[in-house]
Amino acid sequence: MMVYMATATWNGTVIAQSDDTVVVENNHYFPLSAVAEGVLVKTDHTSVCPWKGTASYYSVVVDGQANENAAWYYPDPKDAAAEIQDRVAFWKGIVVS
């Protein structure tokens, strides 16, 4: 059996890598433990998904450059999205392959 390793990169730097992502709506949710130390900085930004709940955001910081609100997570997801608890997803130019 082949194991798929998902990798998130920004500005040529690997910021997360895991063979244990959960894919929801075409987004890979990485375990927080798979994210490089020091790249996530919490922000006050939130958004609401009707079935997942309220998302909180991180800025992604690499080599002193910040990508504002480029990662999101659900600190207290609704039951339908329980599988993404303690996981983070990326967007805004961060490439997941």
Protein backbone atom coordinates (compact mmCIF):
# COMPACT_ATOMS: atom_id res chain seq x y z
CA MET A 1 0.00 0.00 0.00
CA MET A 2 1.31 3.43 -0.95
CA VAL A 3 1.10 6.18 1.66
CA TYR A 4 0.28 9.68 0.41
CA MET A 5 2.34 12.43 2.02
CA ALA A 6 0.67 15.85 1.81
CA THR A 7 2.99 18.84 1.90
CA ALA A 8 2.14 22.53 2.40
CA THR A 9 4.69 25.04 1.10
CA TRP A 10 4.89 28.80 0.98
CA ASN A 11 7.68 30.85 -0.60
CA GLY A 12 9.63 27.64 -1.17
CA THR A 13 9.52 26.59 2.48
CA VAL A 14 7.78 23.44 3.71
CA ILE A 15 5.47 24.54 6.51
CA ALA A 16 3.57 21.29 7.06
CA GLN A 17 3.93 17.66 6.01
CA SER A 18 1.87 14.63 7.00
CA ASP A 19 0.56 11.27 5.80
CA ASP A 20 -2.42 11.81 8.15
CA THR A 21 -4.47 14.65 6.65
CA VAL A 22 -8.26 14.79 6.61
CA VAL A 23 -9.69 16.12 3.34
CA VAL A 24 -12.86 18.18 3.68
CA GLU A 25 -14.22 20.21 0.76
CA ASN A 26 -10.92 19.69 -1.14
CA ASN A 27 -8.86 21.12 1.75
CA HIS A 28 -6.23 19.06 3.54
CA TYR A 29 -6.47 19.49 7.29
CA PHE A 30 -3.06 18.77 8.80
CA PRO A 31 -2.53 17.70 12.41
CA LEU A 32 -1.11 20.65 14.36
CA SER A 33 1.84 18.43 15.24
CA ALA A 34 2.75 18.27 11.51
CA VAL A 35 3.20 22.04 11.18
CA ALA A 36 6.70 23.49 11.43
CA GLU A 37 7.35 25.14 14.75
CA GLY A 38 6.98 28.91 14.85
CA VAL A 39 5.22 29.47 11.52
CA LEU A 40 1.68 29.93 12.89
CA VAL A 41 0.69 33.16 14.63
CA LYS A 42 -2.88 33.43 15.94
CA THR A 43 -5.02 36.31 14.69
CA ASP A 44 -8.40 37.68 15.80
CA HIS A 45 -10.04 36.81 12.46
CA THR A 46 -12.96 34.34 12.43
CA SER A 47 -15.50 33.05 9.94
CA VAL A 48 -18.54 30.82 10.25
CA CYS A 49 -19.39 27.66 8.32
CA PRO A 50 -22.98 26.45 8.75
CA TRP A 51 -21.95 22.81 9.25
CA LYS A 52 -18.40 23.02 10.62
CA GLY A 53 -18.81 25.91 13.06
CA THR A 54 -16.67 28.98 13.76
CA ALA A 55 -13.17 28.99 12.26
CA SER A 56 -10.25 30.81 13.82
CA TYR A 57 -7.19 31.87 11.83
CA TYR A 58 -3.42 31.98 11.92
CA SER A 59 -1.06 34.08 9.89
CA VAL A 60 1.77 32.05 8.38
CA VAL A 61 5.21 33.57 8.97
CA VAL A 62 8.26 32.39 7.02
CA ASP A 63 11.62 34.18 7.00
CA GLY A 64 10.04 37.32 8.47
CA GLN A 65 7.27 37.49 5.85
CA ALA A 66 3.67 37.15 7.04
CA ASN A 67 0.77 35.73 5.03
CA GLU A 68 -2.18 37.12 7.01
CA ASN A 69 -4.96 34.70 7.94
CA ALA A 70 -3.56 32.07 5.58
CA ALA A 71 -4.38 29.11 7.85
CA TRP A 72 -7.58 28.24 9.60
CA TYR A 73 -8.81 25.77 12.18
CA TYR A 74 -11.95 24.95 14.11
CA PRO A 75 -11.23 25.10 17.86
CA ASP A 76 -14.66 23.66 18.66
CA PRO A 77 -16.11 22.10 15.48
CA LYS A 78 -19.71 20.97 15.26
CA ASP A 79 -20.30 17.21 15.53
CA ALA A 80 -20.47 16.83 11.73
CA ALA A 81 -16.88 18.10 11.50
CA ALA A 82 -15.42 16.43 14.59
CA GLU A 83 -12.71 14.77 12.46
CA ILE A 84 -10.97 18.13 11.91
CA GLN A 85 -10.55 18.93 15.62
CA ASP A 86 -6.92 19.93 16.34
CA ARG A 87 -6.16 20.26 12.63
CA VAL A 88 -5.26 23.20 10.40
CA ALA A 89 -5.82 23.95 6.68
CA PHE A 90 -4.15 26.48 4.38
CA TRP A 91 -5.01 28.85 1.52
CA LYS A 92 -3.92 32.30 0.18
CA GLY A 93 -1.04 31.10 -1.96
CA ILE A 94 0.08 28.22 0.22
CA VAL A 95 0.46 25.22 -2.06
CA VAL A 96 -0.68 21.83 -0.79
CA SER A 97 0.52 18.93 -2.90
